[in-house]
Amino acid sequence: MIYLKQFQIPSDLWVDWYFSPTPWGPDDSLILLDEPENSLSAMWQKELAVFIRGAVKEFRCQFIIATHSPFLLSIPEAKIYDLDATPIQESTWNKLESMRCYYDLFNNNKNLFE
């Protein structure tokens, strides 16, 4: 059986996610998210990563996520496939080209953060 629901974050549903046992279906669900970080601030991306970690642990569900978010990519034990590589290969979040761009930006401007 396939369960498909669309959620908008942040919204009133965010509260429902935290207090509803399984708003998307039974345990062991497969949830597909396509760039959920769109329109989310960095703070909300961090909250979404916390929620995903909790959902995996508590409800034994799996997520397939298309994302560029460092907060989502850095979820511990995430299996990451680099779709920019030819051929497609498994990677770690810190080795992705887009993460290197973030690193370089902040490293080149670290004096502004001190």
PDB file of N, CA and C in Angstrom:
ATOM      1  N   MET A   1       0.842  -1.162   0.000  1.00  0.00           N
ATOM      2  CA  MET A   1       0.000   0.000   0.000  1.00  0.00           C
ATOM      3  C   MET A   1       0.894   1.233   0.000  1.00  0.00           C
ATOM      4  N   ILE A   2       0.564   2.231  -0.773  1.00  0.00           N
ATOM      5  CA  ILE A   2       1.342   3.462  -0.861  1.00  0.00           C
ATOM      6  C   ILE A   2       0.571   4.583  -0.175  1.00  0.00           C
ATOM      7  N   TYR A   3       1.235   5.287   0.712  1.00  0.00           N
ATOM      8  CA  TYR A   3       0.650   6.438   1.378  1.00  0.00           C
ATOM      9  C   TYR A   3       1.317   7.679   0.815  1.00  0.00           C
ATOM     10  N   LEU A   4       0.550   8.614   0.366  1.00  0.00           N
ATOM     11  CA  LEU A   4       1.105   9.827  -0.209  1.00  0.00           C
ATOM     12  C   LEU A   4       0.378  11.017   0.380  1.00  0.00           C
ATOM     13  N   LYS A   5       1.102  11.870   1.041  1.00  0.00           N
ATOM     14  CA  LYS A   5       0.551  13.107   1.571  1.00  0.00           C
ATOM     15  C   LYS A   5       1.550  14.208   1.275  1.00  0.00           C
ATOM     16  N   GLN A   6       1.045  15.398   1.081  1.00  0.00           N
ATOM     17  CA  GLN A   6       1.919  16.539   0.896  1.00  0.00           C
ATOM     18  C   GLN A   6       1.834  17.406   2.141  1.00  0.00           C
ATOM     19  N   PHE A   7       2.971  17.883   2.600  1.00  0.00           N
ATOM     20  CA  PHE A   7       3.023  18.733   3.768  1.00  0.00           C
ATOM     21  C   PHE A   7       3.719  20.028   3.406  1.00  0.00           C
ATOM     22  N   GLN A   8       3.259  21.113   3.985  1.00  0.00           N
ATOM     23  CA  GLN A   8       3.895  22.396   3.793  1.00  0.00           C
ATOM     24  C   GLN A   8       4.510  22.793   5.124  1.00  0.00           C
ATOM     25  N   ILE A   9       5.758  23.174   5.105  1.00  0.00           N
ATOM     26  CA  ILE A   9       6.455  23.551   6.326  1.00  0.00           C
ATOM     27  C   ILE A   9       7.024  24.946   6.117  1.00  0.00           C
ATOM     28  N   PRO A  10       7.004  25.842   7.064  1.00  0.00           N
ATOM     29  CA  PRO A  10       6.331  25.753   8.340  1.00  0.00           C
ATOM     30  C   PRO A  10       4.837  26.046   8.189  1.00  0.00           C
ATOM     31  N   SER A  11       4.043  25.416   8.984  1.00  0.00           N
ATOM     32  CA  SER A  11       2.599  25.633   8.976  1.00  0.00           C
ATOM     33  C   SER A  11       2.024  25.017  10.222  1.00  0.00           C
ATOM     34  N   ASP A  12       0.722  25.026  10.330  1.00  0.00           N
ATOM     35  CA  ASP A  12       0.069  24.398  11.471  1.00  0.00           C
ATOM     36  C   ASP A  12       0.343  22.908  11.502  1.00  0.00           C
ATOM     37  N   LEU A  13       0.637  22.304  10.342  1.00  0.00           N
ATOM     38  CA  LEU A  13       0.926  20.877  10.306  1.00  0.00           C
ATOM     39  C   LEU A  13       2.191  20.542  11.070  1.00  0.00           C
ATOM     40  N   TRP A  14       3.121  21.502  11.180  1.00  0.00           N
ATOM     41  CA  TRP A  14       4.373  21.257  11.890  1.00  0.00           C
ATOM     42  C   TRP A  14       4.090  20.777  13.305  1.00  0.00           C
ATOM     43  N   VAL A  15       3.135  21.428  13.978  1.00  0.00           N
ATOM     44  CA  VAL A  15       2.766  21.017  15.328  1.00  0.00           C
ATOM     45  C   VAL A  15       2.158  19.625  15.288  1.00  0.00           C
ATOM     46  N   ASP A  16       1.318  19.336  14.296  1.00  0.00           N
ATOM     47  CA  ASP A  16       0.712  18.018  14.174  1.00  0.00           C
ATOM     48  C   ASP A  16       1.773  16.938  14.010  1.00  0.00           C
ATOM     49  N   TRP A  17       2.864  17.236  13.287  1.00  0.00           N
ATOM     50  CA  TRP A  17       3.919  16.245  13.079  1.00  0.00           C
ATOM     51  C   TRP A  17       4.529  15.823  14.405  1.00  0.00           C
ATOM     52  N   TYR A  18       4.706  16.785  15.311  1.00  0.00           N
ATOM     53  CA  TYR A  18       5.333  16.461  16.579  1.00  0.00           C
ATOM     54  C   TYR A  18       4.404  15.706  17.522  1.00  0.00           C
ATOM     55  N   PHE A  19       3.099  15.919  17.408  1.00  0.00           N
ATOM     56  CA  PHE A  19       2.178  15.339  18.377  1.00  0.00           C
ATOM     57  C   PHE A  19       1.290  14.235  17.825  1.00  0.00           C
ATOM     58  N   SER A  20       1.355  13.982  16.561  1.00  0.00           N
ATOM     59  CA  SER A  20       0.555  12.930  15.950  1.00  0.00           C
ATOM     60  C   SER A  20       1.443  11.709  15.775  1.00  0.00           C
ATOM     61  N   PRO A  21       0.989  10.520  16.152  1.00  0.00           N
ATOM     62  CA  PRO A  21       1.890   9.365  16.101  1.00  0.00           C
ATOM     63  C   PRO A  21       2.455   9.091  14.713  1.00  0.00           C
ATOM     64  N   THR A  22       1.632   9.010  13.702  1.00  0.00           N
ATOM     65  CA  THR A  22       2.116   8.792  12.341  1.00  0.00           C
ATOM     66  C   THR A  22       1.148   9.449  11.368  1.00  0.00           C
ATOM     67  N   PRO A  23       1.317  10.731  11.111  1.00  0.00           N
ATOM     68  CA  PRO A  23       0.369  11.430  10.238  1.00  0.00           C
ATOM     69  C   PRO A  23       0.423  10.980   8.789  1.00  0.00           C
ATOM     70  N   TRP A  24       1.458  10.229   8.388  1.00  0.00           N
ATOM     71  CA  TRP A  24       1.593   9.831   6.982  1.00  0.00           C
ATOM     72  C   TRP A  24       1.256   8.375   6.753  1.00  0.00           C
ATOM     73  N   GLY A  25       1.042   7.612   7.759  1.00  0.00           N
ATOM     74  CA  GLY A  25       0.744   6.197   7.570  1.00  0.00           C
ATOM     75  C   GLY A  25       1.351   5.378   8.685  1.00  0.00           C
ATOM     76  N   PRO A  26       1.334   4.081   8.562  1.00  0.00           N
ATOM     77  CA  PRO A  26       1.844   3.215   9.623  1.00  0.00           C
ATOM     78  C   PRO A  26       3.363   3.237   9.705  1.00  0.00           C
ATOM     79  N   ASP A  27       3.879   2.607  10.764  1.00  0.00           N
ATOM     80  CA  ASP A  27       5.332   2.448  10.871  1.00  0.00           C
ATOM     81  C   ASP A  27       5.865   1.788   9.603  1.00  0.00           C
ATOM     82  N   ASP A  28       7.159   1.950   9.373  1.00  0.00           N
ATOM     83  CA  ASP A  28       7.840   1.404   8.204  1.00  0.00           C
ATOM     84  C   ASP A  28       7.425   2.074   6.899  1.00  0.00           C
ATOM     85  N   SER A  29       6.904   3.284   6.969  1.00  0.00           N
ATOM     86  CA  SER A  29       6.512   4.012   5.764  1.00  0.00           C
ATOM     87  C   SER A  29       7.742   4.472   4.991  1.00  0.00           C
ATOM     88  N   LEU A  30       7.557   4.707   3.717  1.00  0.00           N
ATOM     89  CA  LEU A  30       8.564   5.310   2.860  1.00  0.00           C
ATOM     90  C   LEU A  30       8.047   6.693   2.494  1.00  0.00           C
ATOM     91  N   ILE A  31       8.819   7.729   2.847  1.00  0.00           N
ATOM     92  CA  ILE A  31       8.407   9.115   2.603  1.00  0.00           C
ATOM     93  C   ILE A  31       9.365   9.724   1.589  1.00  0.00           C
ATOM     94  N   LEU A  32       8.826  10.291   0.531  1.00  0.00           N
ATOM     95  CA  LEU A  32       9.617  10.934  -0.509  1.00  0.00           C
ATOM     96  C   LEU A  32       9.489  12.443  -0.366  1.00  0.00           C
ATOM     97  N   LEU A  33      10.615  13.132  -0.322  1.00  0.00           N
ATOM     98  CA  LEU A  33      10.623  14.592  -0.211  1.00  0.00           C
ATOM     99  C   LEU A  33      11.488  15.164  -1.326  1.00  0.00           C
ATOM    100  N   ASP A  34      10.929  16.097  -2.067  1.00  0.00           N
ATOM    101  CA  ASP A  34      11.653  16.742  -3.157  1.00  0.00           C
ATOM    102  C   ASP A  34      12.018  18.157  -2.742  1.00  0.00           C
ATOM    103  N   GLU A  35      13.281  18.370  -2.450  1.00  0.00           N
ATOM    104  CA  GLU A  35      13.813  19.660  -2.037  1.00  0.00           C
ATOM    105  C   GLU A  35      12.939  20.325  -0.963  1.00  0.00           C
ATOM    106  N   PRO A  36      12.777  19.661   0.174  1.00  0.00           N
ATOM    107  CA  PRO A  36      11.924  20.227   1.221  1.00  0.00           C
ATOM    108  C   PRO A  36      12.484  21.514   1.806  1.00  0.00           C
ATOM    109  N   GLU A  37      13.758  21.804   1.558  1.00  0.00           N
ATOM    110  CA  GLU A  37      14.359  23.015   2.100  1.00  0.00           C
ATOM    111  C   GLU A  37      13.918  24.284   1.381  1.00  0.00           C
ATOM    112  N   ASN A  38      13.301  24.134   0.205  1.00  0.00           N
ATOM    113  CA  ASN A  38      12.834  25.321  -0.521  1.00  0.00           C
ATOM    114  C   ASN A  38      11.900  26.126   0.367  1.00  0.00           C
ATOM    115  N   SER A  39      12.131  27.398   0.457  1.00  0.00           N
ATOM    116  CA  SER A  39      11.333  28.336   1.253  1.00  0.00           C
ATOM    117  C   SER A  39      11.492  28.144   2.756  1.00  0.00           C
ATOM    118  N   LEU A  40      12.460  27.367   3.186  1.00  0.00           N
ATOM    119  CA  LEU A  40      12.712  27.214   4.617  1.00  0.00           C
ATOM    120  C   LEU A  40      13.975  27.978   4.996  1.00  0.00           C
ATOM    121  N   SER A  41      13.899  28.694   6.093  1.00  0.00           N
ATOM    122  CA  SER A  41      15.096  29.356   6.610  1.00  0.00           C
ATOM    123  C   SER A  41      16.054  28.284   7.130  1.00  0.00           C
ATOM    124  N   ALA A  42      17.268  28.691   7.402  1.00  0.00           N
ATOM    125  CA  ALA A  42      18.246  27.754   7.955  1.00  0.00           C
ATOM    126  C   ALA A  42      17.741  27.159   9.267  1.00  0.00           C
ATOM    127  N   MET A  43      17.101  27.982  10.099  1.00  0.00           N
ATOM    128  CA  MET A  43      16.572  27.487  11.369  1.00  0.00           C
ATOM    129  C   MET A  43      15.548  26.383  11.144  1.00  0.00           C
ATOM    130  N   TRP A  44      14.646  26.562  10.167  1.00  0.00           N
ATOM    131  CA  TRP A  44      13.621  25.548   9.896  1.00  0.00           C
ATOM    132  C   TRP A  44      14.218  24.308   9.239  1.00  0.00           C
ATOM    133  N   GLN A  45      15.278  24.478   8.460  1.00  0.00           N
ATOM    134  CA  GLN A  45      15.956  23.307   7.900  1.00  0.00           C
ATOM    135  C   GLN A  45      16.568  22.466   9.013  1.00  0.00           C
ATOM    136  N   LYS A  46      17.140  23.124  10.024  1.00  0.00           N
ATOM    137  CA  LYS A  46      17.681  22.398  11.173  1.00  0.00           C
ATOM    138  C   LYS A  46      16.563  21.660  11.906  1.00  0.00           C
ATOM    139  N   GLU A  47      15.421  22.305  12.079  1.00  0.00           N
ATOM    140  CA  GLU A  47      14.280  21.663  12.744  1.00  0.00           C
ATOM    141  C   GLU A  47      13.777  20.462  11.938  1.00  0.00           C
ATOM    142  N   LEU A  48      13.740  20.609  10.628  1.00  0.00           N
ATOM    143  CA  LEU A  48      13.303  19.501   9.785  1.00  0.00           C
ATOM    144  C   LEU A  48      14.256  18.317   9.920  1.00  0.00           C
ATOM    145  N   ALA A  49      15.559  18.580   9.976  1.00  0.00           N
ATOM    146  CA  ALA A  49      16.535  17.500  10.152  1.00  0.00           C
ATOM    147  C   ALA A  49      16.313  16.777  11.482  1.00  0.00           C
ATOM    148  N   VAL A  50      16.020  17.526  12.533  1.00  0.00           N
ATOM    149  CA  VAL A  50      15.734  16.917  13.842  1.00  0.00           C
ATOM    150  C   VAL A  50      14.487  16.049  13.743  1.00  0.00           C
ATOM    151  N   PHE A  51      13.454  16.574  13.076  1.00  0.00           N
ATOM    152  CA  PHE A  51      12.214  15.806  12.920  1.00  0.00           C
ATOM    153  C   PHE A  51      12.460  14.512  12.154  1.00  0.00           C
ATOM    154  N   ILE A  52      13.204  14.581  11.065  1.00  0.00           N
ATOM    155  CA  ILE A  52      13.466  13.390  10.248  1.00  0.00           C
ATOM    156  C   ILE A  52      14.215  12.342  11.068  1.00  0.00           C
ATOM    157  N   ARG A  53      15.222  12.772  11.811  1.00  0.00           N
ATOM    158  CA  ARG A  53      15.963  11.822  12.657  1.00  0.00           C
ATOM    159  C   ARG A  53      15.032  11.148  13.652  1.00  0.00           C
ATOM    160  N   GLY A  54      14.139  11.924  14.256  1.00  0.00           N
ATOM    161  CA  GLY A  54      13.199  11.360  15.218  1.00  0.00           C
ATOM    162  C   GLY A  54      12.209  10.409  14.572  1.00  0.00           C
ATOM    163  N   ALA A  55      11.724  10.760  13.382  1.00  0.00           N
ATOM    164  CA  ALA A  55      10.755   9.904  12.686  1.00  0.00           C
ATOM    165  C   ALA A  55      11.377   8.575  12.296  1.00  0.00           C
ATOM    166  N   VAL A  56      12.623   8.601  11.867  1.00  0.00           N
ATOM    167  CA  VAL A  56      13.316   7.356  11.498  1.00  0.00           C
ATOM    168  C   VAL A  56      13.462   6.463  12.732  1.00  0.00           C
ATOM    169  N   LYS A  57      13.835   7.076  13.830  1.00  0.00           N
ATOM    170  CA  LYS A  57      14.057   6.310  15.061  1.00  0.00           C
ATOM    171  C   LYS A  57      12.739   5.792  15.650  1.00  0.00           C
ATOM    172  N   GLU A  58      11.753   6.653  15.774  1.00  0.00           N
ATOM    173  CA  GLU A  58      10.516   6.300  16.466  1.00  0.00           C
ATOM    174  C   GLU A  58       9.562   5.450  15.622  1.00  0.00           C
ATOM    175  N   PHE A  59       9.477   5.737  14.328  1.00  0.00           N
ATOM    176  CA  PHE A  59       8.468   5.085  13.488  1.00  0.00           C
ATOM    177  C   PHE A  59       9.069   4.128  12.469  1.00  0.00           C
ATOM    178  N   ARG A  60      10.413   3.987  12.494  1.00  0.00           N
ATOM    179  CA  ARG A  60      11.099   3.076  11.573  1.00  0.00           C
ATOM    180  C   ARG A  60      10.761   3.368  10.110  1.00  0.00           C
ATOM    181  N   CYS A  61      10.487   4.619   9.810  1.00  0.00           N
ATOM    182  CA  CYS A  61      10.184   4.964   8.421  1.00  0.00           C
ATOM    183  C   CYS A  61      11.491   5.304   7.697  1.00  0.00           C
ATOM    184  N   GLN A  62      11.424   5.328   6.387  1.00  0.00           N
ATOM    185  CA  GLN A  62      12.568   5.670   5.559  1.00  0.00           C
ATOM    186  C   GLN A  62      12.229   6.909   4.746  1.00  0.00           C
ATOM    187  N   PHE A  63      13.235   7.706   4.492  1.00  0.00           N
ATOM    188  CA  PHE A  63      13.075   8.907   3.689  1.00  0.00           C
ATOM    189  C   PHE A  63      13.970   8.812   2.465  1.00  0.00           C
ATOM    190  N   ILE A  64      13.434   9.197   1.330  1.00  0.00           N
ATOM    191  CA  ILE A  64      14.230   9.453   0.140  1.00  0.00           C
ATOM    192  C   ILE A  64      14.059  10.939  -0.115  1.00  0.00           C
ATOM    193  N   ILE A  65      15.176  11.672  -0.072  1.00  0.00           N
ATOM    194  CA  ILE A  65      15.117  13.134  -0.120  1.00  0.00           C
ATOM    195  C   ILE A  65      16.043  13.645  -1.217  1.00  0.00           C
ATOM    196  N   ALA A  66      15.493  14.431  -2.112  1.00  0.00           N
ATOM    197  CA  ALA A  66      16.310  15.185  -3.071  1.00  0.00           C
ATOM    198  C   ALA A  66      16.559  16.536  -2.414  1.00  0.00           C
ATOM    199  N   THR A  67      17.830  16.842  -2.113  1.00  0.00           N
ATOM    200  CA  THR A  67      18.118  18.063  -1.353  1.00  0.00           C
ATOM    201  C   THR A  67      19.503  18.608  -1.659  1.00  0.00           C
ATOM    202  N   HIS A  68      19.668  19.900  -1.382  1.00  0.00           N
ATOM    203  CA  HIS A  68      20.974  20.548  -1.405  1.00  0.00           C
ATOM    204  C   HIS A  68      21.282  21.117  -0.019  1.00  0.00           C
ATOM    205  N   SER A  69      20.424  20.868   0.939  1.00  0.00           N
ATOM    206  CA  SER A  69      20.550  21.439   2.274  1.00  0.00           C
ATOM    207  C   SER A  69      21.664  20.759   3.063  1.00  0.00           C
ATOM    208  N   PRO A  70      22.636  21.536   3.559  1.00  0.00           N
ATOM    209  CA  PRO A  70      23.676  20.930   4.387  1.00  0.00           C
ATOM    210  C   PRO A  70      23.103  20.346   5.680  1.00  0.00           C
ATOM    211  N   PHE A  71      22.012  20.899   6.169  1.00  0.00           N
ATOM    212  CA  PHE A  71      21.403  20.394   7.399  1.00  0.00           C
ATOM    213  C   PHE A  71      20.804  19.005   7.184  1.00  0.00           C
ATOM    214  N   LEU A  72      20.192  18.798   6.035  1.00  0.00           N
ATOM    215  CA  LEU A  72      19.606  17.490   5.747  1.00  0.00           C
ATOM    216  C   LEU A  72      20.675  16.499   5.300  1.00  0.00           C
ATOM    217  N   LEU A  73      21.619  16.967   4.508  1.00  0.00           N
ATOM    218  CA  LEU A  73      22.683  16.074   4.039  1.00  0.00           C
ATOM    219  C   LEU A  73      23.556  15.572   5.179  1.00  0.00           C
ATOM    220  N   SER A  74      23.686  16.357   6.240  1.00  0.00           N
ATOM    221  CA  SER A  74      24.580  15.970   7.334  1.00  0.00           C
ATOM    222  C   SER A  74      23.883  15.148   8.416  1.00  0.00           C
ATOM    223  N   ILE A  75      22.669  14.684   8.175  1.00  0.00           N
ATOM    224  CA  ILE A  75      22.008  13.804   9.131  1.00  0.00           C
ATOM    225  C   ILE A  75      22.862  12.546   9.279  1.00  0.00           C
ATOM    226  N   PRO A  76      23.239  12.204  10.523  1.00  0.00           N
ATOM    227  CA  PRO A  76      24.081  11.018  10.725  1.00  0.00           C
ATOM    228  C   PRO A  76      23.454   9.763  10.114  1.00  0.00           C
ATOM    229  N   GLU A  77      24.297   8.945   9.546  1.00  0.00           N
ATOM    230  CA  GLU A  77      23.913   7.664   8.940  1.00  0.00           C
ATOM    231  C   GLU A  77      23.085   7.804   7.666  1.00  0.00           C
ATOM    232  N   ALA A  78      22.983   9.017   7.133  1.00  0.00           N
ATOM    233  CA  ALA A  78      22.279   9.185   5.854  1.00  0.00           C
ATOM    234  C   ALA A  78      23.109   8.560   4.746  1.00  0.00           C
ATOM    235  N   LYS A  79      22.458   7.873   3.845  1.00  0.00           N
ATOM    236  CA  LYS A  79      23.134   7.327   2.669  1.00  0.00           C
ATOM    237  C   LYS A  79      22.929   8.351   1.559  1.00  0.00           C
ATOM    238  N   ILE A  80      24.018   8.883   1.045  1.00  0.00           N
ATOM    239  CA  ILE A  80      23.967   9.981   0.076  1.00  0.00           C
ATOM    240  C   ILE A  80      24.487   9.501  -1.265  1.00  0.00           C
ATOM    241  N   TYR A  81      23.714   9.785  -2.291  1.00  0.00           N
ATOM    242  CA  TYR A  81      24.132   9.497  -3.659  1.00  0.00           C
ATOM    243  C   TYR A  81      24.378  10.821  -4.363  1.00  0.00           C
ATOM    244  N   ASP A  82      25.559  10.990  -4.916  1.00  0.00           N
ATOM    245  CA  ASP A  82      25.925  12.201  -5.644  1.00  0.00           C
ATOM    246  C   ASP A  82      25.443  12.063  -7.081  1.00  0.00           C
ATOM    247  N   LEU A  83      24.353  12.739  -7.386  1.00  0.00           N
ATOM    248  CA  LEU A  83      23.776  12.653  -8.732  1.00  0.00           C
ATOM    249  C   LEU A  83      24.534  13.502  -9.740  1.00  0.00           C
ATOM    250  N   ASP A  84      25.462  14.355  -9.254  1.00  0.00           N
ATOM    251  CA  ASP A  84      26.288  15.144 -10.166  1.00  0.00           C
ATOM    252  C   ASP A  84      27.500  14.352 -10.661  1.00  0.00           C
ATOM    253  N   ALA A  85      27.809  13.270 -10.003  1.00  0.00           N
ATOM    254  CA  ALA A  85      28.957  12.447 -10.398  1.00  0.00           C
ATOM    255  C   ALA A  85      28.564  11.539 -11.564  1.00  0.00           C
ATOM    256  N   THR A  86      29.547  11.243 -12.407  1.00  0.00           N
ATOM    257  CA  THR A  86      29.331  10.313 -13.510  1.00  0.00           C
ATOM    258  C   THR A  86      30.367   9.206 -13.404  1.00  0.00           C
ATOM    259  N   PRO A  87      29.935   8.003 -13.133  1.00  0.00           N
ATOM    260  CA  PRO A  87      28.561   7.590 -12.869  1.00  0.00           C
ATOM    261  C   PRO A  87      28.136   8.022 -11.462  1.00  0.00           C
ATOM    262  N   ILE A  88      26.842   7.950 -11.194  1.00  0.00           N
ATOM    263  CA  ILE A  88      26.316   8.292  -9.873  1.00  0.00           C
ATOM    264  C   ILE A  88      27.030   7.425  -8.843  1.00  0.00           C
ATOM    265  N   GLN A  89      27.424   8.052  -7.725  1.00  0.00           N
ATOM    266  CA  GLN A  89      28.152   7.293  -6.712  1.00  0.00           C
ATOM    267  C   GLN A  89      27.732   7.700  -5.310  1.00  0.00           C
ATOM    268  N   GLU A  90      27.967   6.802  -4.382  1.00  0.00           N
ATOM    269  CA  GLU A  90      27.706   7.109  -2.980  1.00  0.00           C
ATOM    270  C   GLU A  90      28.791   8.057  -2.490  1.00  0.00           C
ATOM    271  N   SER A  91      28.419   8.964  -1.597  1.00  0.00           N
ATOM    272  CA  SER A  91      29.364   9.954  -1.105  1.00  0.00           C
ATOM    273  C   SER A  91      29.054  10.280   0.352  1.00  0.00           C
ATOM    274  N   THR A  92      29.872  11.131   0.931  1.00  0.00           N
ATOM    275  CA  THR A  92      29.574  11.709   2.239  1.00  0.00           C
ATOM    276  C   THR A  92      29.265  13.182   2.012  1.00  0.00           C
ATOM    277  N   TRP A  93      28.484  13.759   2.902  1.00  0.00           N
ATOM    278  CA  TRP A  93      28.015  15.127   2.680  1.00  0.00           C
ATOM    279  C   TRP A  93      29.157  16.120   2.562  1.00  0.00           C
ATOM    280  N   ASN A  94      30.226  15.921   3.317  1.00  0.00           N
ATOM    281  CA  ASN A  94      31.327  16.881   3.305  1.00  0.00           C
ATOM    282  C   ASN A  94      32.185  16.800   2.044  1.00  0.00           C
ATOM    283  N   LYS A  95      31.977  15.790   1.222  1.00  0.00           N
ATOM    284  CA  LYS A  95      32.749  15.664  -0.024  1.00  0.00           C
ATOM    285  C   LYS A  95      31.974  16.132  -1.255  1.00  0.00           C
ATOM    286  N   LEU A  96      30.732  16.557  -1.066  1.00  0.00           N
ATOM    287  CA  LEU A  96      29.944  17.038  -2.197  1.00  0.00           C
ATOM    288  C   LEU A  96      30.448  18.406  -2.646  1.00  0.00           C
ATOM    289  N   GLU A  97      30.448  18.640  -3.942  1.00  0.00           N
ATOM    290  CA  GLU A  97      30.942  19.908  -4.486  1.00  0.00           C
ATOM    291  C   GLU A  97      30.194  21.106  -3.906  1.00  0.00           C
ATOM    292  N   SER A  98      28.886  20.981  -3.762  1.00  0.00           N
ATOM    293  CA  SER A  98      28.105  22.110  -3.231  1.00  0.00           C
ATOM    294  C   SER A  98      28.493  22.418  -1.788  1.00  0.00           C
ATOM    295  N   MET A  99      28.839  21.412  -1.011  1.00  0.00           N
ATOM    296  CA  MET A  99      29.261  21.652   0.374  1.00  0.00           C
ATOM    297  C   MET A  99      30.633  22.312   0.402  1.00  0.00           C
ATOM    298  N   ARG A 100      31.485  21.960  -0.548  1.00  0.00           N
ATOM    299  CA  ARG A 100      32.796  22.603  -0.659  1.00  0.00           C
ATOM    300  C   ARG A 100      32.627  24.096  -0.945  1.00  0.00           C
ATOM    301  N   CYS A 101      31.629  24.449  -1.740  1.00  0.00           N
ATOM    302  CA  CYS A 101      31.358  25.869  -2.020  1.00  0.00           C
ATOM    303  C   CYS A 101      30.986  26.616  -0.745  1.00  0.00           C
ATOM    304  N   TYR A 102      30.133  26.001   0.093  1.00  0.00           N
ATOM    305  CA  TYR A 102      29.787  26.619   1.379  1.00  0.00           C
ATOM    306  C   TYR A 102      31.024  26.752   2.256  1.00  0.00           C
ATOM    307  N   TYR A 103      31.795  25.689   2.318  1.00  0.00           N
ATOM    308  CA  TYR A 103      33.006  25.701   3.137  1.00  0.00           C
ATOM    309  C   TYR A 103      33.936  26.836   2.701  1.00  0.00           C
ATOM    310  N   ASP A 104      34.180  26.928   1.408  1.00  0.00           N
ATOM    311  CA  ASP A 104      35.073  27.966   0.892  1.00  0.00           C
ATOM    312  C   ASP A 104      34.540  29.362   1.210  1.00  0.00           C
ATOM    313  N   LEU A 105      33.245  29.570   1.044  1.00  0.00           N
ATOM    314  CA  LEU A 105      32.643  30.876   1.333  1.00  0.00           C
ATOM    315  C   LEU A 105      32.890  31.269   2.784  1.00  0.00           C
ATOM    316  N   PHE A 106      32.573  30.379   3.712  1.00  0.00           N
ATOM    317  CA  PHE A 106      32.733  30.706   5.128  1.00  0.00           C
ATOM    318  C   PHE A 106      34.196  30.754   5.543  1.00  0.00           C
ATOM    319  N   ASN A 107      35.008  29.880   4.991  1.00  0.00           N
ATOM    320  CA  ASN A 107      36.429  29.885   5.319  1.00  0.00           C
ATOM    321  C   ASN A 107      37.092  31.179   4.837  1.00  0.00           C
ATOM    322  N   ASN A 108      36.720  31.647   3.667  1.00  0.00           N
ATOM    323  CA  ASN A 108      37.293  32.882   3.127  1.00  0.00           C
ATOM    324  C   ASN A 108      36.809  34.127   3.875  1.00  0.00           C
ATOM    325  N   ASN A 109      35.744  33.989   4.637  1.00  0.00           N
ATOM    326  CA  ASN A 109      35.193  35.134   5.372  1.00  0.00           C
ATOM    327  C   ASN A 109      35.111  34.892   6.864  1.00  0.00           C
ATOM    328  N   LYS A 110      35.914  33.957   7.363  1.00  0.00           N
ATOM    329  CA  LYS A 110      35.804  33.596   8.784  1.00  0.00           C
ATOM    330  C   LYS A 110      36.079  34.761   9.711  1.00  0.00           C
ATOM    331  N   ASN A 111      36.886  35.733   9.278  1.00  0.00           N
ATOM    332  CA  ASN A 111      37.158  36.899  10.121  1.00  0.00           C
ATOM    333  C   ASN A 111      35.879  37.696  10.401  1.00  0.00           C
ATOM    334  N   LEU A 112      34.891  37.606   9.542  1.00  0.00           N
ATOM    335  CA  LEU A 112      33.623  38.316   9.762  1.00  0.00           C
ATOM    336  C   LEU A 112      32.787  37.655  10.854  1.00  0.00           C
ATOM    337  N   PHE A 113      33.096  36.414  11.194  1.00  0.00           N
ATOM    338  CA  PHE A 113      32.335  35.684  12.208  1.00  0.00           C
ATOM    339  C   PHE A 113      33.031  35.681  13.574  1.00  0.00           C
ATOM    340  N   GLU A 114      34.221  36.227  13.639  1.00  0.00           N
ATOM    341  CA  GLU A 114      34.988  36.206  14.896  1.00  0.00           C
ATOM    342  C   GLU A 114      34.821  37.489  15.657  1.00  0.00           C
TER     343      GLU A 114
END
